[in-house]
C-alpha atoms as a PDB file:
ATOM      1  CA  MET A   1     113.097 -44.631 -21.940  1.00  0.00           C
ATOM      2  CA  ARG A   2     113.558 -46.393 -25.413  1.00  0.00           C
ATOM      3  CA  LYS A   3     113.809 -49.710 -23.865  1.00  0.00           C
ATOM      4  CA  ALA A   4     110.818 -48.979 -21.604  1.00  0.00           C
ATOM      5  CA  PHE A   5     108.886 -47.918 -24.629  1.00  0.00           C
ATOM      6  CA  PHE A   6     110.226 -50.844 -26.679  1.00  0.00           C
ATOM      7  CA  VAL A   7     108.816 -53.228 -23.664  1.00  0.00           C
ATOM      8  CA  LEU A   8     105.425 -51.602 -23.286  1.00  0.00           C
ATOM      9  CA  LEU A   9     104.503 -51.888 -26.883  1.00  0.00           C
ATOM     10  CA  CYS A  10     105.478 -55.800 -26.801  1.00  0.00           C
ATOM     11  CA  LEU A  11     103.003 -55.861 -23.863  1.00  0.00           C
ATOM     12  CA  ALA A  12     100.267 -53.646 -25.625  1.00  0.00           C
ATOM     13  CA  LEU A  13     100.898 -55.876 -28.668  1.00  0.00           C
ATOM     14  CA  ALA A  14     100.630 -59.239 -26.860  1.00  0.00           C
ATOM     15  CA  ALA A  15      97.454 -58.342 -24.902  1.00  0.00           C
ATOM     16  CA  ARG A  16      95.624 -57.426 -28.263  1.00  0.00           C
ATOM     17  CA  PRO A  17      94.943 -60.914 -29.504  1.00  0.00           C
ATOM     18  CA  MET A  18      93.774 -61.564 -26.054  1.00  0.00           C
ATOM     19  CA  VAL A  19      90.706 -58.959 -25.691  1.00  0.00           C
ATOM     20  CA  ALA A  20      89.890 -59.538 -29.260  1.00  0.00           C
ATOM     21  CA  GLN A  21      89.752 -62.746 -28.712  1.00  0.00           C
ATOM     22  CA  SER A  22      87.292 -62.722 -25.880  1.00  0.00           C
ATOM     23  CA  ALA A  23      85.077 -60.598 -27.668  1.00  0.00           C
ATOM     24  CA  THR A  24      84.972 -62.312 -31.312  1.00  0.00           C
ATOM     25  CA  GLU A  25      83.391 -65.930 -31.467  1.00  0.00           C
ATOM     26  CA  GLY A  26      84.532 -68.261 -34.318  1.00  0.00           C
ATOM     27  CA  LEU A  27      87.020 -70.313 -35.655  1.00  0.00           C
ATOM     28  CA  TRP A  28      90.480 -70.037 -33.607  1.00  0.00           C
ATOM     29  CA  GLN A  29      88.709 -68.628 -30.951  1.00  0.00           C
ATOM     30  CA  GLY A  30      89.144 -71.469 -28.481  1.00  0.00           C
ATOM     31  CA  TYR A  31      87.382 -74.876 -28.087  1.00  0.00           C
ATOM     32  CA  ASP A  32      83.935 -73.382 -28.537  1.00  0.00           C
ATOM     33  CA  GLY A  33      84.824 -71.905 -32.278  1.00  0.00           C
ATOM     34  CA  GLU A  34      86.517 -74.817 -32.902  1.00  0.00           C
ATOM     35  CA  TRP A  35      83.651 -77.347 -31.853  1.00  0.00           C
ATOM     36  CA  ARG A  36      81.255 -75.445 -33.691  1.00  0.00           C
ATOM     37  CA  HIS A  37      83.533 -75.652 -36.838  1.00  0.00           C
ATOM     38  CA  VAL A  38      84.421 -79.608 -36.863  1.00  0.00           C
ATOM     39  CA  SER A  39      80.639 -79.886 -35.713  1.00  0.00           C
ATOM     40  CA  SER A  40      79.441 -77.902 -38.461  1.00  0.00           C
ATOM     41  CA  GLN A  41      81.956 -79.778 -41.033  1.00  0.00           C
ATOM     42  CA  LEU A  42      80.455 -83.260 -39.734  1.00  0.00           C
ATOM     43  CA  MET A  43      76.787 -81.858 -40.205  1.00  0.00           C
ATOM     44  CA  SER A  44      76.983 -80.672 -43.502  1.00  0.00           C
ATOM     45  CA  LEU A  45      79.173 -83.372 -44.845  1.00  0.00           C
ATOM     46  CA  ALA A  46      76.464 -85.921 -43.443  1.00  0.00           C
ATOM     47  CA  GLU A  47      73.822 -84.091 -44.932  1.00  0.00           C
ATOM     48  CA  ALA A  48      75.436 -83.359 -48.303  1.00  0.00           C
ATOM     49  CA  THR A  49      76.165 -87.735 -48.473  1.00  0.00           C
ATOM     50  CA  PRO A  50      73.559 -89.442 -50.348  1.00  0.00           C
ATOM     51  CA  GLU A  51      71.668 -92.056 -48.031  1.00  0.00           C
ATOM     52  CA  GLU A  52      72.989 -94.831 -50.630  1.00  0.00           C
ATOM     53  CA  LYS A  53      75.986 -93.611 -49.533  1.00  0.00           C
ATOM     54  CA  PHE A  54      75.769 -94.292 -45.923  1.00  0.00           C
ATOM     55  CA  ALA A  55      75.891 -98.415 -46.439  1.00  0.00           C
ATOM     56  CA  TRP A  56      79.428 -98.003 -48.256  1.00  0.00           C
ATOM     57  CA  ARG A  57      82.829 -99.036 -46.708  1.00  0.00           C
ATOM     58  CA  PRO A  58      86.356 -98.659 -48.259  1.00  0.00           C
ATOM     59  CA  ALA A  59      87.084-102.615 -47.686  1.00  0.00           C
ATOM     60  CA  PRO A  60      85.622-105.372 -45.907  1.00  0.00           C
ATOM     61  CA  GLY A  61      85.939-105.040 -42.447  1.00  0.00           C
ATOM     62  CA  VAL A  62      86.301-101.164 -42.586  1.00  0.00           C
ATOM     63  CA  ARG A  63      83.645 -98.821 -40.545  1.00  0.00           C
ATOM     64  CA  SER A  64      80.978 -97.965 -43.409  1.00  0.00           C
ATOM     65  CA  THR A  65      80.176 -94.272 -43.702  1.00  0.00           C
ATOM     66  CA  SER A  66      76.827 -94.656 -41.428  1.00  0.00           C
ATOM     67  CA  GLU A  67      79.538 -96.635 -38.556  1.00  0.00           C
ATOM     68  CA  VAL A  68      82.351 -93.685 -38.752  1.00  0.00           C
ATOM     69  CA  TYR A  69      79.395 -91.006 -37.967  1.00  0.00           C
ATOM     70  CA  MET A  70      77.599 -93.470 -35.249  1.00  0.00           C
ATOM     71  CA  HIS A  71      81.118 -93.951 -33.490  1.00  0.00           C
ATOM     72  CA  ILE A  72      81.321 -90.635 -32.950  1.00  0.00           C
ATOM     73  CA  ALA A  73      78.356 -89.930 -32.102  1.00  0.00           C
ATOM     74  CA  MET A  74      78.616 -92.668 -29.388  1.00  0.00           C
ATOM     75  CA  ALA A  75      82.088 -91.625 -28.877  1.00  0.00           C
ATOM     76  CA  ASN A  76      81.179 -88.083 -28.105  1.00  0.00           C
ATOM     77  CA  PHE A  77      78.448 -89.434 -25.534  1.00  0.00           C
ATOM     78  CA  TYR A  78      80.739 -92.051 -23.968  1.00  0.00           C
ATOM     79  CA  LEU A  79      83.749 -89.384 -23.145  1.00  0.00           C
ATOM     80  CA  LEU A  80      81.384 -86.793 -22.178  1.00  0.00           C
ATOM     81  CA  SER A  81      80.339 -89.565 -19.592  1.00  0.00           C
ATOM     82  CA  VAL A  82      83.565 -89.448 -17.911  1.00  0.00           C
ATOM     83  CA  THR A  83      83.477 -86.073 -17.355  1.00  0.00           C
ATOM     84  CA  GLY A  84      79.693 -86.196 -15.438  1.00  0.00           C
ATOM     85  CA  PRO A  85      76.926 -85.500 -17.540  1.00  0.00           C
ATOM     86  CA  LYS A  86      75.250 -89.543 -17.969  1.00  0.00           C
ATOM     87  CA  MET A  87      74.812 -91.404 -21.143  1.00  0.00           C
ATOM     88  CA  PRO A  88      71.209 -90.634 -22.949  1.00  0.00           C
ATOM     89  CA  ALA A  89      68.835 -93.372 -21.822  1.00  0.00           C
ATOM     90  CA  ASP A  90      68.160 -94.509 -25.326  1.00  0.00           C
ATOM     91  CA  LEU A  91      72.141 -95.080 -26.653  1.00  0.00           C
ATOM     92  CA  LYS A  92      72.333 -98.785 -26.570  1.00  0.00           C
ATOM     93  CA  GLU A  93      75.236-101.209 -27.130  1.00  0.00           C
ATOM     94  CA  GLY A  94      75.316-102.173 -30.940  1.00  0.00           C
ATOM     95  CA  MET A  95      74.091 -98.735 -32.558  1.00  0.00           C
ATOM     96  CA  GLU A  96      77.216 -97.983 -34.289  1.00  0.00           C
ATOM     97  CA  THR A  97      76.410-101.266 -36.652  1.00  0.00           C
ATOM     98  CA  SER A  98      72.492-101.461 -36.509  1.00  0.00           C
ATOM     99  CA  VAL A  99      71.624 -97.410 -37.133  1.00  0.00           C
ATOM    100  CA  THR A 100      72.461 -97.220 -40.985  1.00  0.00           C
ATOM    101  CA  SER A 101      69.734 -94.866 -42.044  1.00  0.00           C
ATOM    102  CA  LYS A 102      70.430 -91.181 -42.572  1.00  0.00           C
ATOM    103  CA  ALA A 103      68.068 -89.666 -41.007  1.00  0.00           C
ATOM    104  CA  GLU A 104      68.805 -91.710 -37.394  1.00  0.00           C
ATOM    105  CA  VAL A 105      72.590 -91.120 -38.029  1.00  0.00           C
ATOM    106  CA  ILE A 106      72.337 -87.446 -38.373  1.00  0.00           C
ATOM    107  CA  ASN A 107      69.435 -87.159 -35.335  1.00  0.00           C
ATOM    108  CA  TRP A 108      72.318 -89.261 -33.308  1.00  0.00           C
ATOM    109  CA  LEU A 109      75.114 -87.007 -34.549  1.00  0.00           C
ATOM    110  CA  LYS A 110      73.240 -83.832 -34.066  1.00  0.00           C
ATOM    111  CA  ARG A 111      72.741 -85.122 -30.349  1.00  0.00           C
ATOM    112  CA  SER A 112      75.882 -85.863 -29.744  1.00  0.00           C
ATOM    113  CA  LEU A 113      77.648 -82.594 -30.792  1.00  0.00           C
ATOM    114  CA  GLU A 114      74.863 -80.302 -29.036  1.00  0.00           C
ATOM    115  CA  ALA A 115      75.394 -82.379 -25.795  1.00  0.00           C
ATOM    116  CA  VAL A 116      79.333 -81.450 -26.022  1.00  0.00           C
ATOM    117  CA  LYS A 117      78.433 -77.827 -26.720  1.00  0.00           C
ATOM    118  CA  GLN A 118      76.084 -77.494 -23.952  1.00  0.00           C
ATOM    119  CA  ALA A 119      78.000 -79.133 -21.259  1.00  0.00           C
ATOM    120  CA  HIS A 120      81.702 -77.020 -22.267  1.00  0.00           C
ATOM    121  CA  LEU A 121      79.329 -73.969 -22.678  1.00  0.00           C
ATOM    122  CA  ALA A 122      78.198 -75.074 -18.814  1.00  0.00           C
ATOM    123  CA  ILE A 123      81.463 -76.076 -17.104  1.00  0.00           C
ATOM    124  CA  THR A 124      83.402 -73.587 -15.212  1.00  0.00           C
ATOM    125  CA  PRO A 125      87.277 -73.296 -15.619  1.00  0.00           C
ATOM    126  CA  PRO A 126      87.908 -74.855 -12.018  1.00  0.00           C
ATOM    127  CA  GLY A 127      85.573 -77.652 -13.126  1.00  0.00           C
ATOM    128  CA  LEU A 128      88.104 -77.818 -16.324  1.00  0.00           C
ATOM    129  CA  GLN A 129      91.210 -79.125 -14.110  1.00  0.00           C
ATOM    130  CA  ARG A 130      88.775 -81.752 -11.960  1.00  0.00           C
ATOM    131  CA  LYS A 131      90.096 -85.000 -12.388  1.00  0.00           C
ATOM    132  CA  VAL A 132      88.431 -87.559 -13.725  1.00  0.00           C
ATOM    133  CA  HIS A 133      89.628 -91.461 -14.491  1.00  0.00           C
ATOM    134  CA  ILE A 134      89.309 -93.219 -17.861  1.00  0.00           C
ATOM    135  CA  ALA A 135      89.999 -96.839 -18.652  1.00  0.00           C
ATOM    136  CA  ASP A 136      93.518 -97.454 -16.990  1.00  0.00           C
ATOM    137  CA  ARG A 137      94.238 -93.971 -16.627  1.00  0.00           C
ATOM    138  CA  ASP A 138      93.815 -90.667 -15.163  1.00  0.00           C
ATOM    139  CA  ALA A 139      93.139 -87.302 -16.767  1.00  0.00           C
ATOM    140  CA  THR A 140      91.286 -83.863 -16.216  1.00  0.00           C
ATOM    141  CA  VAL A 141      87.818 -83.082 -17.622  1.00  0.00           C
ATOM    142  CA  GLU A 142      89.656 -80.464 -19.943  1.00  0.00           C
ATOM    143  CA  GLY A 143      91.601 -83.301 -21.538  1.00  0.00           C
ATOM    144  CA  MET A 144      88.312 -85.287 -22.155  1.00  0.00           C
ATOM    145  CA  TYR A 145      87.384 -82.384 -24.159  1.00  0.00           C
ATOM    146  CA  LEU A 146      90.379 -82.010 -25.754  1.00  0.00           C
ATOM    147  CA  ARG A 147      90.129 -85.970 -26.604  1.00  0.00           C
ATOM    148  CA  ILE A 148      86.432 -85.321 -27.800  1.00  0.00           C
ATOM    149  CA  ILE A 149      87.420 -82.496 -30.441  1.00  0.00           C
ATOM    150  CA  VAL A 150      90.753 -84.771 -31.358  1.00  0.00           C
ATOM    151  CA  HIS A 151      88.770 -87.465 -32.123  1.00  0.00           C
ATOM    152  CA  ALA A 152      85.904 -85.827 -34.272  1.00  0.00           C
ATOM    153  CA  ASN A 153      88.289 -84.079 -36.214  1.00  0.00           C
ATOM    154  CA  GLU A 154      90.024 -87.414 -36.731  1.00  0.00           C
ATOM    155  CA  HIS A 155      87.285 -88.842 -38.149  1.00  0.00           C
ATOM    156  CA  MET A 156      86.537 -85.813 -40.052  1.00  0.00           C
ATOM    157  CA  GLY A 157      89.215 -86.736 -42.272  1.00  0.00           C
ATOM    158  CA  GLN A 158      88.455 -90.523 -42.472  1.00  0.00           C
ATOM    159  CA  LEU A 159      84.730 -88.705 -43.725  1.00  0.00           C
ATOM    160  CA  VAL A 160      85.987 -86.425 -46.315  1.00  0.00           C
ATOM    161  CA  ALA A 161      88.193 -89.494 -47.592  1.00  0.00           C
ATOM    162  CA  TYR A 162      85.320 -91.608 -47.550  1.00  0.00           C
ATOM    163  CA  ALA A 163      83.244 -88.572 -49.564  1.00  0.00           C
ATOM    164  CA  ARG A 164      85.794 -87.911 -52.003  1.00  0.00           C
ATOM    165  CA  MET A 165      85.965 -91.568 -52.674  1.00  0.00           C
ATOM    166  CA  THR A 166      82.080 -91.865 -53.529  1.00  0.00           C
ATOM    167  CA  GLY A 167      82.005 -89.026 -55.607  1.00  0.00           C
ATOM    168  CA  VAL A 168      80.560 -86.785 -52.588  1.00  0.00           C
ATOM    169  CA  VAL A 169      82.494 -82.939 -52.311  1.00  0.00           C
ATOM    170  CA  PRO A 170      82.087 -81.270 -49.019  1.00  0.00           C
ATOM    171  CA  PRO A 171      80.248 -78.574 -49.232  1.00  0.00           C
ATOM    172  CA  TRP A 172      82.814 -75.951 -47.412  1.00  0.00           C
ATOM    173  CA  SER A 173      85.263 -77.141 -50.116  1.00  0.00           C
ATOM    174  CA  GLY A 174      83.642 -76.344 -53.375  1.00  0.00           C
ATOM    175  CA  LYS A 175      85.531 -78.560 -55.527  1.00  0.00           C
END
């Protein structure tokens, strides 16, 4: 009897976070919460960065601040297109280096973040398991979304370093 009670208690405790997780949205609540988090950080850091810092680069031959943001935006659209949605008609090759103004960069970044958000919200669990092909390998739609979020977070770290090197404090850090 005592063993059965212990097993039931463990099952109840294990099930509780799953119920709470589906009822609560936000950080650590799955892909959508994590996507909102990185999207919010990217947008707030871009907005906090002065226009003149968008041209800054840590060394010759290394992406500038605007180029990193545009790289994220273009990658979001490209990686998302592998899962089905079309690339924007006005997205052209070379924009990573030709779009440099803060307003234009933020516009493209915002559009790409929203496109990923809306596409992920619309996909069904079976749709996540659909096979896709990218470059020289096969993947799943779910794997592509994972690549998108990992890529955004990777460059978020880069942008935080850029911000710190140019005297910009990430808004969420307070220091």
